[in-house]
C-alpha atoms as a PDB file:
ATOM      1  CA  UNK A   1       0.000   0.000   0.000  1.00  0.00           C
ATOM      2  CA  UNK A   2       0.983   3.650  -0.287  1.00  0.00           C
ATOM      3  CA  UNK A   3       2.484   6.462   1.776  1.00  0.00           C
ATOM      4  CA  UNK A   4       1.662   9.759   0.039  1.00  0.00           C
ATOM      5  CA  UNK A   5       2.752  13.175   1.328  1.00  0.00           C
ATOM      6  CA  UNK A   6       1.383  16.555   0.196  1.00  0.00           C
ATOM      7  CA  UNK A   7       3.253  19.820   0.770  1.00  0.00           C
ATOM      8  CA  UNK A   8       3.172  23.463  -0.269  1.00  0.00           C
ATOM      9  CA  UNK A   9       5.962  25.937  -0.931  1.00  0.00           C
ATOM     10  CA  UNK A  10       4.091  29.103   0.003  1.00  0.00           C
ATOM     11  CA  UNK A  11       0.727  30.566   0.876  1.00  0.00           C
ATOM     12  CA  UNK A  12      -2.370  28.406   1.214  1.00  0.00           C
ATOM     13  CA  UNK A  13      -2.892  26.676  -2.129  1.00  0.00           C
ATOM     14  CA  UNK A  14      -5.355  24.142  -0.732  1.00  0.00           C
ATOM     15  CA  UNK A  15      -3.244  21.284   0.633  1.00  0.00           C
ATOM     16  CA  UNK A  16      -5.575  20.450   3.525  1.00  0.00           C
ATOM     17  CA  UNK A  17      -8.818  20.584   1.537  1.00  0.00           C
ATOM     18  CA  UNK A  18      -7.256  18.559  -1.284  1.00  0.00           C
ATOM     19  CA  UNK A  19      -5.805  15.842   0.961  1.00  0.00           C
ATOM     20  CA  UNK A  20      -8.953  15.617   3.080  1.00  0.00           C
ATOM     21  CA  UNK A  21     -11.089  15.419  -0.055  1.00  0.00           C
ATOM     22  CA  UNK A  22      -8.884  12.638  -1.424  1.00  0.00           C
ATOM     23  CA  UNK A  23      -9.143  10.731   1.863  1.00  0.00           C
ATOM     24  CA  UNK A  24     -12.937  10.978   1.969  1.00  0.00           C
ATOM     25  CA  UNK A  25     -13.098   9.628  -1.594  1.00  0.00           C
ATOM     26  CA  UNK A  26     -10.529   6.865  -0.958  1.00  0.00           C
ATOM     27  CA  UNK A  27     -11.840   3.394  -1.890  1.00  0.00           C
ATOM     28  CA  UNK A  28     -10.142   1.509   0.974  1.00  0.00           C
ATOM     29  CA  UNK A  29      -8.999   2.170   4.565  1.00  0.00           C
ATOM     30  CA  UNK A  30      -6.762   5.221   4.805  1.00  0.00           C
ATOM     31  CA  UNK A  31      -5.086   7.134   7.622  1.00  0.00           C
ATOM     32  CA  UNK A  32      -4.778  10.899   7.198  1.00  0.00           C
ATOM     33  CA  UNK A  33      -1.865  12.318   9.195  1.00  0.00           C
ATOM     34  CA  UNK A  34      -2.097  16.038   9.927  1.00  0.00           C
ATOM     35  CA  UNK A  35       1.638  16.753  10.093  1.00  0.00           C
ATOM     36  CA  UNK A  36       1.594  20.507   9.475  1.00  0.00           C
ATOM     37  CA  UNK A  37       3.630  21.891  12.420  1.00  0.00           C
ATOM     38  CA  UNK A  38       1.827  25.244  12.531  1.00  0.00           C
ATOM     39  CA  UNK A  39      -0.425  25.962  15.494  1.00  0.00           C
ATOM     40  CA  UNK A  40      -3.835  24.343  15.719  1.00  0.00           C
ATOM     41  CA  UNK A  41      -5.490  21.535  13.799  1.00  0.00           C
ATOM     42  CA  UNK A  42      -6.877  22.896  10.532  1.00  0.00           C
ATOM     43  CA  UNK A  43      -9.052  19.799  10.184  1.00  0.00           C
ATOM     44  CA  UNK A  44     -10.616  20.019  13.649  1.00  0.00           C
ATOM     45  CA  UNK A  45     -11.151  23.768  13.311  1.00  0.00           C
ATOM     46  CA  UNK A  46     -12.263  23.546   9.679  1.00  0.00           C
ATOM     47  CA  UNK A  47     -14.028  20.380   8.579  1.00  0.00           C
ATOM     48  CA  UNK A  48     -15.312  19.640  12.095  1.00  0.00           C
ATOM     49  CA  UNK A  49     -15.966  23.317  12.946  1.00  0.00           C
ATOM     50  CA  UNK A  50     -14.215  23.092  16.306  1.00  0.00           C
ATOM     51  CA  UNK A  51     -16.930  20.781  17.637  1.00  0.00           C
ATOM     52  CA  UNK A  52     -14.574  17.869  18.285  1.00  0.00           C
ATOM     53  CA  UNK A  53     -11.467  17.690  20.435  1.00  0.00           C
ATOM     54  CA  UNK A  54      -8.711  15.168  19.908  1.00  0.00           C
ATOM     55  CA  UNK A  55      -5.191  14.830  21.261  1.00  0.00           C
ATOM     56  CA  UNK A  56      -3.540  13.138  18.274  1.00  0.00           C
ATOM     57  CA  UNK A  57       0.135  13.776  17.663  1.00  0.00           C
ATOM     58  CA  UNK A  58       0.893  15.225  21.083  1.00  0.00           C
ATOM     59  CA  UNK A  59      -0.095  11.987  22.794  1.00  0.00           C
ATOM     60  CA  UNK A  60       2.222  10.153  20.401  1.00  0.00           C
ATOM     61  CA  UNK A  61       5.154  12.299  21.496  1.00  0.00           C
ATOM     62  CA  UNK A  62       4.642  11.074  25.049  1.00  0.00           C
ATOM     63  CA  UNK A  63       4.058   7.497  23.890  1.00  0.00           C
ATOM     64  CA  UNK A  64       7.318   7.575  21.961  1.00  0.00           C
ATOM     65  CA  UNK A  65       9.181   8.656  25.092  1.00  0.00           C
ATOM     66  CA  UNK A  66       7.733   5.593  26.827  1.00  0.00           C
ATOM     67  CA  UNK A  67       8.622   3.266  23.948  1.00  0.00           C
ATOM     68  CA  UNK A  68       5.002   2.398  23.082  1.00  0.00           C
ATOM     69  CA  UNK A  69       4.496   4.437  19.898  1.00  0.00           C
ATOM     70  CA  UNK A  70       3.171   1.590  17.738  1.00  0.00           C
ATOM     71  CA  UNK A  71       0.697   0.493  20.410  1.00  0.00           C
ATOM     72  CA  UNK A  72      -0.530   4.038  21.034  1.00  0.00           C
ATOM     73  CA  UNK A  73      -1.232   5.028  17.419  1.00  0.00           C
ATOM     74  CA  UNK A  74      -4.523   3.088  16.986  1.00  0.00           C
ATOM     75  CA  UNK A  75      -5.817   4.600  20.242  1.00  0.00           C
ATOM     76  CA  UNK A  76      -5.215   8.243  19.350  1.00  0.00           C
ATOM     77  CA  UNK A  77      -6.564   8.380  15.798  1.00  0.00           C
ATOM     78  CA  UNK A  78     -10.043   9.762  15.191  1.00  0.00           C
ATOM     79  CA  UNK A  79     -12.425   7.736  13.029  1.00  0.00           C
ATOM     80  CA  UNK A  80     -14.610   9.681  10.611  1.00  0.00           C
ATOM     81  CA  UNK A  81     -18.190   8.328  10.866  1.00  0.00           C
ATOM     82  CA  UNK A  82     -19.612   6.443   7.880  1.00  0.00           C
ATOM     83  CA  UNK A  83     -16.213   6.254   6.149  1.00  0.00           C
ATOM     84  CA  UNK A  84     -13.068   4.109   6.195  1.00  0.00           C
ATOM     85  CA  UNK A  85     -11.024   7.216   7.052  1.00  0.00           C
ATOM     86  CA  UNK A  86      -9.153   7.765  10.315  1.00  0.00           C
ATOM     87  CA  UNK A  87      -7.303  10.969  11.172  1.00  0.00           C
ATOM     88  CA  UNK A  88      -4.242  11.607  13.300  1.00  0.00           C
ATOM     89  CA  UNK A  89      -4.810  15.226  14.245  1.00  0.00           C
ATOM     90  CA  UNK A  90      -1.997  17.741  14.486  1.00  0.00           C
ATOM     91  CA  UNK A  91      -0.450  20.088  17.015  1.00  0.00           C
ATOM     92  CA  UNK A  92      -2.383  22.510  19.200  1.00  0.00           C
ATOM     93  CA  UNK A  93       0.105  25.368  19.539  1.00  0.00           C
ATOM     94  CA  UNK A  94       3.200  26.637  17.748  1.00  0.00           C
ATOM     95  CA  UNK A  95       5.274  25.857  20.877  1.00  0.00           C
ATOM     96  CA  UNK A  96       4.846  22.143  20.202  1.00  0.00           C
ATOM     97  CA  UNK A  97       6.753  22.259  16.902  1.00  0.00           C
ATOM     98  CA  UNK A  98      10.101  21.435  18.515  1.00  0.00           C
ATOM     99  CA  UNK A  99       8.651  18.351  20.196  1.00  0.00           C
ATOM    100  CA  UNK A 100       7.089  17.199  16.939  1.00  0.00           C
ATOM    101  CA  UNK A 101      10.470  17.261  15.206  1.00  0.00           C
ATOM    102  CA  UNK A 102      11.509  14.292  17.350  1.00  0.00           C
ATOM    103  CA  UNK A 103       8.471  12.166  16.526  1.00  0.00           C
ATOM    104  CA  UNK A 104       8.681  12.035  12.735  1.00  0.00           C
ATOM    105  CA  UNK A 105      11.477   9.487  12.361  1.00  0.00           C
ATOM    106  CA  UNK A 106       9.997   6.847  14.704  1.00  0.00           C
ATOM    107  CA  UNK A 107       6.495   7.555  13.378  1.00  0.00           C
ATOM    108  CA  UNK A 108       7.739   6.885   9.845  1.00  0.00           C
ATOM    109  CA  UNK A 109       8.672   3.343  10.835  1.00  0.00           C
ATOM    110  CA  UNK A 110       5.231   2.729  12.331  1.00  0.00           C
ATOM    111  CA  UNK A 111       3.439   4.176   9.284  1.00  0.00           C
ATOM    112  CA  UNK A 112       5.561   2.051   6.978  1.00  0.00           C
ATOM    113  CA  UNK A 113       4.464  -0.961   8.976  1.00  0.00           C
ATOM    114  CA  UNK A 114       0.834   0.036   8.377  1.00  0.00           C
ATOM    115  CA  UNK A 115       1.306   0.333   4.609  1.00  0.00           C
ATOM    116  CA  UNK A 116       2.899  -3.114   4.545  1.00  0.00           C
ATOM    117  CA  UNK A 117      -0.279  -4.572   6.082  1.00  0.00           C
ATOM    118  CA  UNK A 118      -2.729  -3.001   3.635  1.00  0.00           C
ATOM    119  CA  UNK A 119      -3.625   0.491   4.877  1.00  0.00           C
ATOM    120  CA  UNK A 120      -2.771   3.601   2.896  1.00  0.00           C
ATOM    121  CA  UNK A 121      -1.423   6.743   4.564  1.00  0.00           C
ATOM    122  CA  UNK A 122      -1.960  10.320   3.364  1.00  0.00           C
ATOM    123  CA  UNK A 123       0.122  13.040   5.010  1.00  0.00           C
ATOM    124  CA  UNK A 124      -0.740  16.736   5.072  1.00  0.00           C
ATOM    125  CA  UNK A 125       2.770  18.102   5.689  1.00  0.00           C
ATOM    126  CA  UNK A 126       1.841  21.751   5.266  1.00  0.00           C
ATOM    127  CA  UNK A 127       4.359  24.346   4.195  1.00  0.00           C
ATOM    128  CA  UNK A 128       7.933  23.304   3.538  1.00  0.00           C
ATOM    129  CA  UNK A 129      10.818  24.655   5.582  1.00  0.00           C
ATOM    130  CA  UNK A 130       9.053  25.322   8.893  1.00  0.00           C
ATOM    131  CA  UNK A 131      10.401  24.367  12.312  1.00  0.00           C
ATOM    132  CA  UNK A 132       9.112  20.908  13.151  1.00  0.00           C
ATOM    133  CA  UNK A 133       8.397  20.069   9.512  1.00  0.00           C
ATOM    134  CA  UNK A 134       7.969  16.300   8.967  1.00  0.00           C
ATOM    135  CA  UNK A 135      11.075  15.996   6.796  1.00  0.00           C
ATOM    136  CA  UNK A 136      11.463  12.193   7.195  1.00  0.00           C
ATOM    137  CA  UNK A 137       7.883  11.643   5.986  1.00  0.00           C
ATOM    138  CA  UNK A 138       8.377  13.967   3.022  1.00  0.00           C
ATOM    139  CA  UNK A 139      11.680  12.367   2.024  1.00  0.00           C
ATOM    140  CA  UNK A 140      10.627   8.738   2.449  1.00  0.00           C
ATOM    141  CA  UNK A 141       7.097   8.818   1.021  1.00  0.00           C
ATOM    142  CA  UNK A 142       6.320   6.717  -2.019  1.00  0.00           C
ATOM    143  CA  UNK A 143       4.930   9.886  -3.568  1.00  0.00           C
ATOM    144  CA  UNK A 144       5.491  13.506  -2.544  1.00  0.00           C
ATOM    145  CA  UNK A 145       3.093  16.034  -4.063  1.00  0.00           C
ATOM    146  CA  UNK A 146       3.907  19.745  -4.275  1.00  0.00           C
ATOM    147  CA  UNK A 147       0.509  21.462  -4.296  1.00  0.00           C
ATOM    148  CA  UNK A 148       0.457  24.920  -5.857  1.00  0.00           C
ATOM    149  CA  UNK A 149      -1.640  27.467  -7.711  1.00  0.00           C
ATOM    150  CA  UNK A 150      -0.935  28.243 -11.356  1.00  0.00           C
ATOM    151  CA  UNK A 151       0.246  31.831 -10.930  1.00  0.00           C
ATOM    152  CA  UNK A 152       3.738  33.297 -11.134  1.00  0.00           C
ATOM    153  CA  UNK A 153       4.161  33.821  -7.376  1.00  0.00           C
ATOM    154  CA  UNK A 154       3.366  30.177  -6.711  1.00  0.00           C
ATOM    155  CA  UNK A 155       5.749  28.989  -9.405  1.00  0.00           C
ATOM    156  CA  UNK A 156       8.560  31.214  -8.135  1.00  0.00           C
ATOM    157  CA  UNK A 157       8.147  29.899  -4.585  1.00  0.00           C
ATOM    158  CA  UNK A 158       7.917  26.256  -5.641  1.00  0.00           C
ATOM    159  CA  UNK A 159      10.838  26.196  -8.095  1.00  0.00           C
ATOM    160  CA  UNK A 160      13.711  25.809  -5.627  1.00  0.00           C
ATOM    161  CA  UNK A 161      11.807  23.250  -3.573  1.00  0.00           C
ATOM    162  CA  UNK A 162      11.003  21.277  -6.717  1.00  0.00           C
ATOM    163  CA  UNK A 163      14.707  21.296  -7.583  1.00  0.00           C
ATOM    164  CA  UNK A 164      15.833  20.104  -4.150  1.00  0.00           C
ATOM    165  CA  UNK A 165      13.114  17.502  -3.604  1.00  0.00           C
ATOM    166  CA  UNK A 166      13.517  16.189  -7.136  1.00  0.00           C
ATOM    167  CA  UNK A 167      17.291  15.946  -6.756  1.00  0.00           C
ATOM    168  CA  UNK A 168      16.928  14.007  -3.495  1.00  0.00           C
ATOM    169  CA  UNK A 169      14.443  11.493  -4.897  1.00  0.00           C
ATOM    170  CA  UNK A 170      15.616   7.877  -4.756  1.00  0.00           C
ATOM    171  CA  UNK A 171      14.222   4.724  -6.387  1.00  0.00           C
ATOM    172  CA  UNK A 172      10.795   4.115  -4.921  1.00  0.00           C
ATOM    173  CA  UNK A 173      10.184   7.815  -4.229  1.00  0.00           C
ATOM    174  CA  UNK A 174       8.455  10.024  -6.800  1.00  0.00           C
ATOM    175  CA  UNK A 175       8.061  13.819  -6.583  1.00  0.00           C
ATOM    176  CA  UNK A 176       5.272  15.366  -8.647  1.00  0.00           C
ATOM    177  CA  UNK A 177       3.140  18.512  -8.716  1.00  0.00           C
ATOM    178  CA  UNK A 178      -0.584  19.127  -8.254  1.00  0.00           C
ATOM    179  CA  UNK A 179      -2.037  22.305  -9.765  1.00  0.00           C
ATOM    180  CA  UNK A 180      -5.022  23.888  -8.026  1.00  0.00           C
ATOM    181  CA  UNK A 181      -6.819  26.040 -10.558  1.00  0.00           C
ATOM    182  CA  UNK A 182      -5.224  25.342 -13.926  1.00  0.00           C
ATOM    183  CA  UNK A 183      -5.256  28.208 -16.435  1.00  0.00           C
ATOM    184  CA  UNK A 184      -5.178  30.877 -13.724  1.00  0.00           C
ATOM    185  CA  UNK A 185      -3.220  31.836 -15.793  1.00  0.00           C
ATOM    186  CA  UNK A 186      -0.806  28.979 -16.552  1.00  0.00           C
ATOM    187  CA  UNK A 187      -1.496  25.505 -17.918  1.00  0.00           C
ATOM    188  CA  UNK A 188      -0.351  22.316 -16.226  1.00  0.00           C
ATOM    189  CA  UNK A 189       2.189  21.849 -19.020  1.00  0.00           C
ATOM    190  CA  UNK A 190       3.668  25.275 -18.242  1.00  0.00           C
ATOM    191  CA  UNK A 191       3.932  24.345 -14.554  1.00  0.00           C
ATOM    192  CA  UNK A 192       5.633  21.045 -15.366  1.00  0.00           C
ATOM    193  CA  UNK A 193       8.132  22.745 -17.659  1.00  0.00           C
ATOM    194  CA  UNK A 194       8.929  25.459 -15.110  1.00  0.00           C
ATOM    195  CA  UNK A 195       9.336  23.136 -12.131  1.00  0.00           C
ATOM    196  CA  UNK A 196      11.006  20.316 -14.019  1.00  0.00           C
ATOM    197  CA  UNK A 197       8.510  17.905 -12.470  1.00  0.00           C
ATOM    198  CA  UNK A 198       5.588  15.965 -13.894  1.00  0.00           C
ATOM    199  CA  UNK A 199       2.137  17.240 -12.965  1.00  0.00           C
ATOM    200  CA  UNK A 200       0.179  14.340 -11.482  1.00  0.00           C
ATOM    201  CA  UNK A 201      -3.156  16.086 -11.818  1.00  0.00           C
ATOM    202  CA  UNK A 202      -5.171  19.264 -11.416  1.00  0.00           C
ATOM    203  CA  UNK A 203      -7.884  20.322  -8.988  1.00  0.00           C
ATOM    204  CA  UNK A 204     -10.724  22.367 -10.409  1.00  0.00           C
ATOM    205  CA  UNK A 205     -10.926  25.960  -9.174  1.00  0.00           C
ATOM    206  CA  UNK A 206     -14.103  26.028  -7.067  1.00  0.00           C
ATOM    207  CA  UNK A 207     -13.625  27.823  -3.710  1.00  0.00           C
ATOM    208  CA  UNK A 208     -17.216  27.296  -2.589  1.00  0.00           C
ATOM    209  CA  UNK A 209     -17.008  23.538  -2.924  1.00  0.00           C
ATOM    210  CA  UNK A 210     -13.476  23.418  -1.524  1.00  0.00           C
ATOM    211  CA  UNK A 211     -14.899  25.030   1.630  1.00  0.00           C
ATOM    212  CA  UNK A 212     -17.003  21.913   2.190  1.00  0.00           C
ATOM    213  CA  UNK A 213     -13.776  20.065   2.993  1.00  0.00           C
ATOM    214  CA  UNK A 214     -11.697  22.962   4.322  1.00  0.00           C
ATOM    215  CA  UNK A 215     -14.277  24.631   6.575  1.00  0.00           C
ATOM    216  CA  UNK A 216     -17.139  22.169   6.953  1.00  0.00           C
ATOM    217  CA  UNK A 217     -19.320  24.501   4.897  1.00  0.00           C
ATOM    218  CA  UNK A 218     -22.702  23.411   3.618  1.00  0.00           C
ATOM    219  CA  UNK A 219     -22.772  22.112   0.072  1.00  0.00           C
ATOM    220  CA  UNK A 220     -23.905  24.817  -2.363  1.00  0.00           C
ATOM    221  CA  UNK A 221     -27.634  24.522  -2.992  1.00  0.00           C
ATOM    222  CA  UNK A 222     -28.774  24.596  -6.624  1.00  0.00           C
ATOM    223  CA  UNK A 223     -31.396  27.091  -7.695  1.00  0.00           C
ATOM    224  CA  UNK A 224     -34.078  24.400  -7.507  1.00  0.00           C
ATOM    225  CA  UNK A 225     -34.035  21.736  -4.799  1.00  0.00           C
ATOM    226  CA  UNK A 226     -32.884  21.399  -1.217  1.00  0.00           C
ATOM    227  CA  UNK A 227     -30.268  19.302   0.563  1.00  0.00           C
ATOM    228  CA  UNK A 228     -30.759  16.251  -1.652  1.00  0.00           C
ATOM    229  CA  UNK A 229     -30.220  18.303  -4.787  1.00  0.00           C
ATOM    230  CA  UNK A 230     -27.146  19.868  -3.165  1.00  0.00           C
ATOM    231  CA  UNK A 231     -25.720  16.402  -2.492  1.00  0.00           C
ATOM    232  CA  UNK A 232     -26.305  15.329  -6.080  1.00  0.00           C
ATOM    233  CA  UNK A 233     -24.819  18.521  -7.481  1.00  0.00           C
ATOM    234  CA  UNK A 234     -21.742  18.209  -5.254  1.00  0.00           C
ATOM    235  CA  UNK A 235     -21.184  14.584  -6.282  1.00  0.00           C
ATOM    236  CA  UNK A 236     -21.470  15.528  -9.966  1.00  0.00           C
ATOM    237  CA  UNK A 237     -19.355  18.684  -9.709  1.00  0.00           C
ATOM    238  CA  UNK A 238     -16.165  19.166 -11.662  1.00  0.00           C
ATOM    239  CA  UNK A 239     -14.407  19.897  -8.357  1.00  0.00           C
ATOM    240  CA  UNK A 240     -15.204  16.531  -6.784  1.00  0.00           C
ATOM    241  CA  UNK A 241     -14.502  14.707 -10.038  1.00  0.00           C
ATOM    242  CA  UNK A 242     -11.057  16.313 -10.092  1.00  0.00           C
ATOM    243  CA  UNK A 243     -10.402  15.259  -6.474  1.00  0.00           C
ATOM    244  CA  UNK A 244     -11.375  11.671  -7.275  1.00  0.00           C
ATOM    245  CA  UNK A 245      -9.242  11.635 -10.411  1.00  0.00           C
ATOM    246  CA  UNK A 246      -6.294  12.984  -8.435  1.00  0.00           C
ATOM    247  CA  UNK A 247      -6.713  10.267  -5.811  1.00  0.00           C
ATOM    248  CA  UNK A 248      -6.794   7.567  -8.474  1.00  0.00           C
ATOM    249  CA  UNK A 249      -3.674   8.981 -10.144  1.00  0.00           C
ATOM    250  CA  UNK A 250      -1.897   9.172  -6.770  1.00  0.00           C
ATOM    251  CA  UNK A 251      -2.678   5.541  -5.953  1.00  0.00           C
ATOM    252  CA  UNK A 252      -1.332   4.414  -9.313  1.00  0.00           C
ATOM    253  CA  UNK A 253       1.800   6.560  -9.055  1.00  0.00           C
ATOM    254  CA  UNK A 254       2.525   5.475  -5.486  1.00  0.00           C
ATOM    255  CA  UNK A 255       2.157   1.770  -6.234  1.00  0.00           C
ATOM    256  CA  UNK A 256       4.293   1.767  -9.380  1.00  0.00           C
ATOM    257  CA  UNK A 257       7.429   3.386  -8.021  1.00  0.00           C
ATOM    258  CA  UNK A 258       9.603   0.339  -8.596  1.00  0.00           C
ATOM    259  CA  UNK A 259      11.765  -2.035  -6.661  1.00  0.00           C
ATOM    260  CA  UNK A 260      12.964   0.634  -4.245  1.00  0.00           C
ATOM    261  CA  UNK A 261       9.474   0.962  -2.807  1.00  0.00           C
ATOM    262  CA  UNK A 262       9.114  -2.806  -2.481  1.00  0.00           C
ATOM    263  CA  UNK A 263      12.392  -3.059  -0.625  1.00  0.00           C
ATOM    264  CA  UNK A 264      11.368  -0.253   1.717  1.00  0.00           C
ATOM    265  CA  UNK A 265       8.101  -2.024   2.503  1.00  0.00           C
ATOM    266  CA  UNK A 266       9.990  -5.185   3.464  1.00  0.00           C
ATOM    267  CA  UNK A 267      12.241  -3.156   5.741  1.00  0.00           C
ATOM    268  CA  UNK A 268       9.239  -1.332   7.172  1.00  0.00           C
ATOM    269  CA  UNK A 269       7.495  -4.602   7.992  1.00  0.00           C
ATOM    270  CA  UNK A 270      10.532  -5.651  10.000  1.00  0.00           C
ATOM    271  CA  UNK A 271      10.660  -2.245  11.736  1.00  0.00           C
ATOM    272  CA  UNK A 272       6.980  -2.512  12.554  1.00  0.00           C
ATOM    273  CA  UNK A 273       7.437  -5.976  14.067  1.00  0.00           C
ATOM    274  CA  UNK A 274      10.315  -4.774  16.204  1.00  0.00           C
ATOM    275  CA  UNK A 275       8.359  -1.716  17.349  1.00  0.00           C
ATOM    276  CA  UNK A 276       5.474  -3.922  18.523  1.00  0.00           C
ATOM    277  CA  UNK A 277       7.711  -6.192  20.612  1.00  0.00           C
END
């Protein structure tokens, strides 16, 4: 199974809404790790409107100190009702970033053990270069996705990161781009040429529907019809179709990364066994 990490180089191009949307459309069990080290859980505050509280990563920091990280993980994730999605929620304050930096390496081994037993992992790693950034997850993922808009500022910010992440890629690790809002003003082909990376897919520009995932907003209601019509329109929207297509492309890319990925899964299975002893 796959470990897929999504990052941004600047601003707020829509990493969280895109990754959460992919997870909620995922066809099999998936763990979403909220690894953005900035203060507060964007998912709890956004999608769940601050109505749920969960400890998540911070409890894992303490579990790691006690040597029971692998055993603690299933107990601290939050299941999303009526889905096969579970979420490991992120930090609460910016002061916790330093502590998070020490959890990523051991957590990587545990997550690799999960992927070797059939569960996919999606990581929202937030903005690159921050204190506490989950560098081991970004570097060792089967697939790392740089999410960006299609404007010049976004391209300028992403270029150096694309160069460094692409140069560090090893067999079994692919780095690709995801364009949110193609043709605003540049095409996906222009982005690929500028970054020197393939573009895995594009997400349709539709802020109102993106807010359904990002902020827990109500689905836009068509001119005629109520909630049922809104559900149907959301399911048929170009935005959701683009999210589903991106998820399908990510699964294919992450599972066809070659022998390097297979070798890493074998190693991860051994690490996972040792962590559970």
